[in-house]
Amino acid sequence: MTKPVITWTKTDEAPQLASYSLLPIVKAFTKDAGVEIDVKDISLAGRVLAQFGYEPDDLAYLGELVWKPECNLIK
């Protein structure tokens, strides 16, 4: 069985403020369960950097991920 992974998206403005406070709590709860947290940057700045090849295109990665049967998307 593969190790479970939660893909956490880093976004802009108000959602980012919530992420900064909630992500450490989620990491603390999932650490003992062996669940990995993988942070992906889909902010505007991250998407611009990806277009110029400075960062990976995390939004495209998520677009491919949602087509997999094992993917559960929570928005």
PDB file of N, CA and C in Angstrom:
ATOM      1  N   MET A   1       0.846  -1.176   0.000  1.00  0.00           N
ATOM      2  CA  MET A   1       0.000   0.000   0.000  1.00  0.00           C
ATOM      3  C   MET A   1       0.894   1.243   0.000  1.00  0.00           C
ATOM      4  N   THR A   2       0.510   2.240  -0.768  1.00  0.00           N
ATOM      5  CA  THR A   2       1.306   3.462  -0.848  1.00  0.00           C
ATOM      6  C   THR A   2       1.017   4.371   0.349  1.00  0.00           C
ATOM      7  N   LYS A   3       1.972   5.208   0.635  1.00  0.00           N
ATOM      8  CA  LYS A   3       1.837   6.150   1.747  1.00  0.00           C
ATOM      9  C   LYS A   3       0.822   7.231   1.373  1.00  0.00           C
ATOM     10  N   PRO A   4      -0.160   7.522   2.244  1.00  0.00           N
ATOM     11  CA  PRO A   4      -1.142   8.559   1.920  1.00  0.00           C
ATOM     12  C   PRO A   4      -0.503   9.946   1.900  1.00  0.00           C
ATOM     13  N   VAL A   5      -0.966  10.759   0.959  1.00  0.00           N
ATOM     14  CA  VAL A   5      -0.434  12.111   0.788  1.00  0.00           C
ATOM     15  C   VAL A   5      -1.595  13.092   0.694  1.00  0.00           C
ATOM     16  N   ILE A   6      -1.501  14.174   1.430  1.00  0.00           N
ATOM     17  CA  ILE A   6      -2.441  15.287   1.296  1.00  0.00           C
ATOM     18  C   ILE A   6      -1.708  16.383   0.542  1.00  0.00           C
ATOM     19  N   THR A   7      -2.288  16.830  -0.572  1.00  0.00           N
ATOM     20  CA  THR A   7      -1.707  17.931  -1.335  1.00  0.00           C
ATOM     21  C   THR A   7      -2.367  19.219  -0.859  1.00  0.00           C
ATOM     22  N   TRP A   8      -1.594  20.060  -0.218  1.00  0.00           N
ATOM     23  CA  TRP A   8      -2.075  21.316   0.360  1.00  0.00           C
ATOM     24  C   TRP A   8      -1.723  22.434  -0.607  1.00  0.00           C
ATOM     25  N   THR A   9      -2.702  23.259  -0.974  1.00  0.00           N
ATOM     26  CA  THR A   9      -2.428  24.320  -1.940  1.00  0.00           C
ATOM     27  C   THR A   9      -2.153  25.644  -1.233  1.00  0.00           C
ATOM     28  N   LYS A  10      -1.095  26.282  -1.668  1.00  0.00           N
ATOM     29  CA  LYS A  10      -0.707  27.612  -1.184  1.00  0.00           C
ATOM     30  C   LYS A  10      -1.302  28.615  -2.167  1.00  0.00           C
ATOM     31  N   THR A  11      -2.148  29.514  -1.657  1.00  0.00           N
ATOM     32  CA  THR A  11      -2.836  30.472  -2.525  1.00  0.00           C
ATOM     33  C   THR A  11      -2.518  31.901  -2.098  1.00  0.00           C
ATOM     34  N   ASP A  12      -3.295  32.836  -2.611  1.00  0.00           N
ATOM     35  CA  ASP A  12      -3.090  34.257  -2.334  1.00  0.00           C
ATOM     36  C   ASP A  12      -4.013  34.761  -1.228  1.00  0.00           C
ATOM     37  N   GLU A  13      -3.679  35.887  -0.687  1.00  0.00           N
ATOM     38  CA  GLU A  13      -4.483  36.736   0.173  1.00  0.00           C
ATOM     39  C   GLU A  13      -5.119  36.027   1.358  1.00  0.00           C
ATOM     40  N   ALA A  14      -6.431  36.183   1.563  1.00  0.00           N
ATOM     41  CA  ALA A  14      -7.113  35.670   2.757  1.00  0.00           C
ATOM     42  C   ALA A  14      -6.988  34.154   2.923  1.00  0.00           C
ATOM     43  N   PRO A  15      -7.136  33.345   1.856  1.00  0.00           N
ATOM     44  CA  PRO A  15      -6.950  31.902   2.070  1.00  0.00           C
ATOM     45  C   PRO A  15      -5.547  31.558   2.564  1.00  0.00           C
ATOM     46  N   GLN A  16      -4.567  32.352   2.176  1.00  0.00           N
ATOM     47  CA  GLN A  16      -3.199  32.090   2.624  1.00  0.00           C
ATOM     48  C   GLN A  16      -3.074  32.342   4.131  1.00  0.00           C
ATOM     49  N   LEU A  17      -3.776  33.345   4.632  1.00  0.00           N
ATOM     50  CA  LEU A  17      -3.743  33.604   6.076  1.00  0.00           C
ATOM     51  C   LEU A  17      -4.315  32.423   6.846  1.00  0.00           C
ATOM     52  N   ALA A  18      -5.396  31.847   6.340  1.00  0.00           N
ATOM     53  CA  ALA A  18      -5.986  30.671   6.983  1.00  0.00           C
ATOM     54  C   ALA A  18      -5.037  29.481   6.901  1.00  0.00           C
ATOM     55  N   SER A  19      -4.352  29.338   5.776  1.00  0.00           N
ATOM     56  CA  SER A  19      -3.404  28.231   5.608  1.00  0.00           C
ATOM     57  C   SER A  19      -2.260  28.316   6.610  1.00  0.00           C
ATOM     58  N   TYR A  20      -1.753  29.505   6.831  1.00  0.00           N
ATOM     59  CA  TYR A  20      -0.636  29.659   7.766  1.00  0.00           C
ATOM     60  C   TYR A  20      -1.028  29.232   9.181  1.00  0.00           C
ATOM     61  N   SER A  21      -2.290  29.435   9.550  1.00  0.00           N
ATOM     62  CA  SER A  21      -2.695  29.035  10.897  1.00  0.00           C
ATOM     63  C   SER A  21      -3.138  27.573  10.953  1.00  0.00           C
ATOM     64  N   LEU A  22      -3.726  27.044   9.884  1.00  0.00           N
ATOM     65  CA  LEU A  22      -4.260  25.682   9.905  1.00  0.00           C
ATOM     66  C   LEU A  22      -3.235  24.617   9.523  1.00  0.00           C
ATOM     67  N   LEU A  23      -2.316  24.924   8.628  1.00  0.00           N
ATOM     68  CA  LEU A  23      -1.355  23.924   8.152  1.00  0.00           C
ATOM     69  C   LEU A  23      -0.522  23.306   9.278  1.00  0.00           C
ATOM     70  N   PRO A  24       0.012  24.070  10.222  1.00  0.00           N
ATOM     71  CA  PRO A  24       0.770  23.433  11.309  1.00  0.00           C
ATOM     72  C   PRO A  24      -0.087  22.480  12.152  1.00  0.00           C
ATOM     73  N   ILE A  25      -1.355  22.798  12.310  1.00  0.00           N
ATOM     74  CA  ILE A  25      -2.259  21.925  13.068  1.00  0.00           C
ATOM     75  C   ILE A  25      -2.486  20.628  12.311  1.00  0.00           C
ATOM     76  N   VAL A  26      -2.737  20.727  11.010  1.00  0.00           N
ATOM     77  CA  VAL A  26      -2.934  19.535  10.183  1.00  0.00           C
ATOM     78  C   VAL A  26      -1.673  18.678  10.185  1.00  0.00           C
ATOM     79  N   LYS A  27      -0.510  19.305  10.076  1.00  0.00           N
ATOM     80  CA  LYS A  27       0.756  18.555  10.106  1.00  0.00           C
ATOM     81  C   LYS A  27       0.928  17.815  11.430  1.00  0.00           C
ATOM     82  N   ALA A  28       0.558  18.448  12.528  1.00  0.00           N
ATOM     83  CA  ALA A  28       0.697  17.819  13.840  1.00  0.00           C
ATOM     84  C   ALA A  28      -0.203  16.590  13.962  1.00  0.00           C
ATOM     85  N   PHE A  29      -1.426  16.676  13.450  1.00  0.00           N
ATOM     86  CA  PHE A  29      -2.355  15.554  13.536  1.00  0.00           C
ATOM     87  C   PHE A  29      -1.978  14.415  12.600  1.00  0.00           C
ATOM     88  N   THR A  30      -1.454  14.739  11.435  1.00  0.00           N
ATOM     89  CA  THR A  30      -1.175  13.697  10.441  1.00  0.00           C
ATOM     90  C   THR A  30       0.200  13.057  10.597  1.00  0.00           C
ATOM     91  N   LYS A  31       1.095  13.685  11.339  1.00  0.00           N
ATOM     92  CA  LYS A  31       2.462  13.167  11.489  1.00  0.00           C
ATOM     93  C   LYS A  31       2.470  11.759  12.081  1.00  0.00           C
ATOM     94  N   ASP A  32       1.748  11.551  13.163  1.00  0.00           N
ATOM     95  CA  ASP A  32       1.730  10.245  13.820  1.00  0.00           C
ATOM     96  C   ASP A  32       0.998   9.190  13.001  1.00  0.00           C
ATOM     97  N   ALA A  33       0.112   9.627  12.109  1.00  0.00           N
ATOM     98  CA  ALA A  33      -0.628   8.680  11.268  1.00  0.00           C
ATOM     99  C   ALA A  33       0.160   8.287  10.025  1.00  0.00           C
ATOM    100  N   GLY A  34       1.301   8.924   9.796  1.00  0.00           N
ATOM    101  CA  GLY A  34       2.119   8.595   8.631  1.00  0.00           C
ATOM    102  C   GLY A  34       1.620   9.202   7.336  1.00  0.00           C
ATOM    103  N   VAL A  35       0.830  10.265   7.446  1.00  0.00           N
ATOM    104  CA  VAL A  35       0.311  10.948   6.264  1.00  0.00           C
ATOM    105  C   VAL A  35       1.249  12.099   5.918  1.00  0.00           C
ATOM    106  N   GLU A  36       1.661  12.146   4.666  1.00  0.00           N
ATOM    107  CA  GLU A  36       2.580  13.187   4.198  1.00  0.00           C
ATOM    108  C   GLU A  36       1.785  14.394   3.704  1.00  0.00           C
ATOM    109  N   ILE A  37       2.271  15.600   3.996  1.00  0.00           N
ATOM    110  CA  ILE A  37       1.664  16.837   3.502  1.00  0.00           C
ATOM    111  C   ILE A  37       2.578  17.387   2.412  1.00  0.00           C
ATOM    112  N   ASP A  38       2.026  17.552   1.215  1.00  0.00           N
ATOM    113  CA  ASP A  38       2.776  18.050   0.066  1.00  0.00           C
ATOM    114  C   ASP A  38       2.191  19.411  -0.318  1.00  0.00           C
ATOM    115  N   VAL A  39       2.946  20.487  -0.133  1.00  0.00           N
ATOM    116  CA  VAL A  39       2.449  21.844  -0.394  1.00  0.00           C
ATOM    117  C   VAL A  39       2.725  22.218  -1.847  1.00  0.00           C
ATOM    118  N   LYS A  40       1.676  22.653  -2.551  1.00  0.00           N
ATOM    119  CA  LYS A  40       1.782  23.097  -3.944  1.00  0.00           C
ATOM    120  C   LYS A  40       1.379  24.565  -4.020  1.00  0.00           C
ATOM    121  N   ASP A  41       2.141  25.347  -4.766  1.00  0.00           N
ATOM    122  CA  ASP A  41       1.918  26.791  -4.881  1.00  0.00           C
ATOM    123  C   ASP A  41       1.077  27.090  -6.118  1.00  0.00           C
ATOM    124  N   ILE A  42      -0.197  27.462  -5.886  1.00  0.00           N
ATOM    125  CA  ILE A  42      -1.057  27.854  -7.009  1.00  0.00           C
ATOM    126  C   ILE A  42      -1.409  29.339  -6.920  1.00  0.00           C
ATOM    127  N   SER A  43      -0.608  30.091  -6.173  1.00  0.00           N
ATOM    128  CA  SER A  43      -0.824  31.531  -6.076  1.00  0.00           C
ATOM    129  C   SER A  43      -0.518  32.184  -7.422  1.00  0.00           C
ATOM    130  N   LEU A  44      -0.954  33.412  -7.586  1.00  0.00           N
ATOM    131  CA  LEU A  44      -0.686  34.135  -8.826  1.00  0.00           C
ATOM    132  C   LEU A  44       0.816  34.250  -9.068  1.00  0.00           C
ATOM    133  N   ALA A  45       1.567  34.573  -8.019  1.00  0.00           N
ATOM    134  CA  ALA A  45       3.025  34.686  -8.165  1.00  0.00           C
ATOM    135  C   ALA A  45       3.636  33.348  -8.571  1.00  0.00           C
ATOM    136  N   GLY A  46       3.167  32.269  -7.961  1.00  0.00           N
ATOM    137  CA  GLY A  46       3.677  30.943  -8.304  1.00  0.00           C
ATOM    138  C   GLY A  46       3.359  30.548  -9.730  1.00  0.00           C
ATOM    139  N   ARG A  47       2.171  30.925 -10.204  1.00  0.00           N
ATOM    140  CA  ARG A  47       1.781  30.598 -11.580  1.00  0.00           C
ATOM    141  C   ARG A  47       2.590  31.399 -12.590  1.00  0.00           C
ATOM    142  N   VAL A  48       2.901  32.667 -12.267  1.00  0.00           N
ATOM    143  CA  VAL A  48       3.734  33.481 -13.160  1.00  0.00           C
ATOM    144  C   VAL A  48       5.145  32.903 -13.225  1.00  0.00           C
ATOM    145  N   LEU A  49       5.710  32.543 -12.077  1.00  0.00           N
ATOM    146  CA  LEU A  49       7.051  31.945 -12.056  1.00  0.00           C
ATOM    147  C   LEU A  49       7.081  30.631 -12.832  1.00  0.00           C
ATOM    148  N   ALA A  50       6.003  29.870 -12.764  1.00  0.00           N
ATOM    149  CA  ALA A  50       5.938  28.602 -13.506  1.00  0.00           C
ATOM    150  C   ALA A  50       5.923  28.850 -15.011  1.00  0.00           C
ATOM    151  N   GLN A  51       5.272  29.915 -15.451  1.00  0.00           N
ATOM    152  CA  GLN A  51       5.222  30.217 -16.883  1.00  0.00           C
ATOM    153  C   GLN A  51       6.606  30.546 -17.443  1.00  0.00           C
ATOM    154  N   PHE A  52       7.474  31.091 -16.596  1.00  0.00           N
ATOM    155  CA  PHE A  52       8.830  31.419 -17.032  1.00  0.00           C
ATOM    156  C   PHE A  52       9.835  30.326 -16.692  1.00  0.00           C
ATOM    157  N   GLY A  53       9.355  29.206 -16.165  1.00  0.00           N
ATOM    158  CA  GLY A  53      10.210  28.060 -15.895  1.00  0.00           C
ATOM    159  C   GLY A  53      11.012  28.119 -14.605  1.00  0.00           C
ATOM    160  N   TYR A  54      10.698  29.079 -13.729  1.00  0.00           N
ATOM    161  CA  TYR A  54      11.436  29.194 -12.473  1.00  0.00           C
ATOM    162  C   TYR A  54      10.908  28.258 -11.390  1.00  0.00           C
ATOM    163  N   GLU A  55       9.669  27.854 -11.505  1.00  0.00           N
ATOM    164  CA  GLU A  55       9.012  26.967 -10.539  1.00  0.00           C
ATOM    165  C   GLU A  55       8.242  25.907 -11.311  1.00  0.00           C
ATOM    166  N   PRO A  56       7.954  24.768 -10.690  1.00  0.00           N
ATOM    167  CA  PRO A  56       7.110  23.778 -11.370  1.00  0.00           C
ATOM    168  C   PRO A  56       5.675  24.299 -11.493  1.00  0.00           C
ATOM    169  N   ASP A  57       4.966  23.844 -12.512  1.00  0.00           N
ATOM    170  CA  ASP A  57       3.579  24.269 -12.735  1.00  0.00           C
ATOM    171  C   ASP A  57       2.655  23.408 -11.875  1.00  0.00           C
ATOM    172  N   ASP A  58       2.454  23.844 -10.632  1.00  0.00           N
ATOM    173  CA  ASP A  58       1.663  23.063  -9.683  1.00  0.00           C
ATOM    174  C   ASP A  58       0.187  23.028 -10.049  1.00  0.00           C
ATOM    175  N   LEU A  59      -0.322  24.068 -10.705  1.00  0.00           N
ATOM    176  CA  LEU A  59      -1.726  24.062 -11.105  1.00  0.00           C
ATOM    177  C   LEU A  59      -1.973  23.001 -12.175  1.00  0.00           C
ATOM    178  N   ALA A  60      -1.056  22.845 -13.101  1.00  0.00           N
ATOM    179  CA  ALA A  60      -1.175  21.792 -14.116  1.00  0.00           C
ATOM    180  C   ALA A  60      -1.082  20.415 -13.465  1.00  0.00           C
ATOM    181  N   TYR A  61      -0.200  20.276 -12.471  1.00  0.00           N
ATOM    182  CA  TYR A  61      -0.082  19.012 -11.736  1.00  0.00           C
ATOM    183  C   TYR A  61      -1.412  18.649 -11.076  1.00  0.00           C
ATOM    184  N   LEU A  62      -2.051  19.629 -10.434  1.00  0.00           N
ATOM    185  CA  LEU A  62      -3.336  19.368  -9.787  1.00  0.00           C
ATOM    186  C   LEU A  62      -4.412  19.033 -10.811  1.00  0.00           C
ATOM    187  N   GLY A  63      -4.339  19.658 -11.991  1.00  0.00           N
ATOM    188  CA  GLY A  63      -5.281  19.343 -13.061  1.00  0.00           C
ATOM    189  C   GLY A  63      -5.175  17.897 -13.505  1.00  0.00           C
ATOM    190  N   GLU A  64      -3.972  17.351 -13.500  1.00  0.00           N
ATOM    191  CA  GLU A  64      -3.776  15.937 -13.839  1.00  0.00           C
ATOM    192  C   GLU A  64      -4.171  15.035 -12.672  1.00  0.00           C
ATOM    193  N   LEU A  65      -3.920  15.484 -11.462  1.00  0.00           N
ATOM    194  CA  LEU A  65      -4.195  14.679 -10.275  1.00  0.00           C
ATOM    195  C   LEU A  65      -5.683  14.385 -10.102  1.00  0.00           C
ATOM    196  N   VAL A  66      -6.542  15.351 -10.427  1.00  0.00           N
ATOM    197  CA  VAL A  66      -7.978  15.165 -10.187  1.00  0.00           C
ATOM    198  C   VAL A  66      -8.592  14.085 -11.076  1.00  0.00           C
ATOM    199  N   TRP A  67      -7.912  13.672 -12.119  1.00  0.00           N
ATOM    200  CA  TRP A  67      -8.431  12.614 -12.992  1.00  0.00           C
ATOM    201  C   TRP A  67      -8.093  11.219 -12.482  1.00  0.00           C
ATOM    202  N   LYS A  68      -7.281  11.125 -11.445  1.00  0.00           N
ATOM    203  CA  LYS A  68      -6.915   9.820 -10.890  1.00  0.00           C
ATOM    204  C   LYS A  68      -8.009   9.345  -9.931  1.00  0.00           C
ATOM    205  N   PRO A  69      -8.350   8.058  -9.971  1.00  0.00           N
ATOM    206  CA  PRO A  69      -9.422   7.544  -9.116  1.00  0.00           C
ATOM    207  C   PRO A  69      -9.131   7.671  -7.616  1.00  0.00           C
ATOM    208  N   GLU A  70      -7.871   7.660  -7.224  1.00  0.00           N
ATOM    209  CA  GLU A  70      -7.541   7.740  -5.800  1.00  0.00           C
ATOM    210  C   GLU A  70      -7.537   9.168  -5.257  1.00  0.00           C
ATOM    211  N   CYS A  71      -7.808  10.146  -6.114  1.00  0.00           N
ATOM    212  CA  CYS A  71      -7.795  11.548  -5.703  1.00  0.00           C
ATOM    213  C   CYS A  71      -9.137  11.938  -5.081  1.00  0.00           C
ATOM    214  N   ASN A  72      -9.078  12.536  -3.907  1.00  0.00           N
ATOM    215  CA  ASN A  72     -10.247  13.135  -3.263  1.00  0.00           C
ATOM    216  C   ASN A  72      -9.961  14.620  -3.138  1.00  0.00           C
ATOM    217  N   LEU A  73     -10.746  15.437  -3.810  1.00  0.00           N
ATOM    218  CA  LEU A  73     -10.519  16.882  -3.810  1.00  0.00           C
ATOM    219  C   LEU A  73     -11.461  17.536  -2.814  1.00  0.00           C
ATOM    220  N   ILE A  74     -10.900  18.300  -1.900  1.00  0.00           N
ATOM    221  CA  ILE A  74     -11.686  19.047  -0.922  1.00  0.00           C
ATOM    222  C   ILE A  74     -11.399  20.514  -1.158  1.00  0.00           C
ATOM    223  N   LYS A  75     -12.449  21.267  -1.390  1.00  0.00           N
ATOM    224  CA  LYS A  75     -12.265  22.693  -1.650  1.00  0.00           C
ATOM    225  C   LYS A  75     -12.988  23.495  -0.598  1.00  0.00           C
TER     226      LYS A  75
END
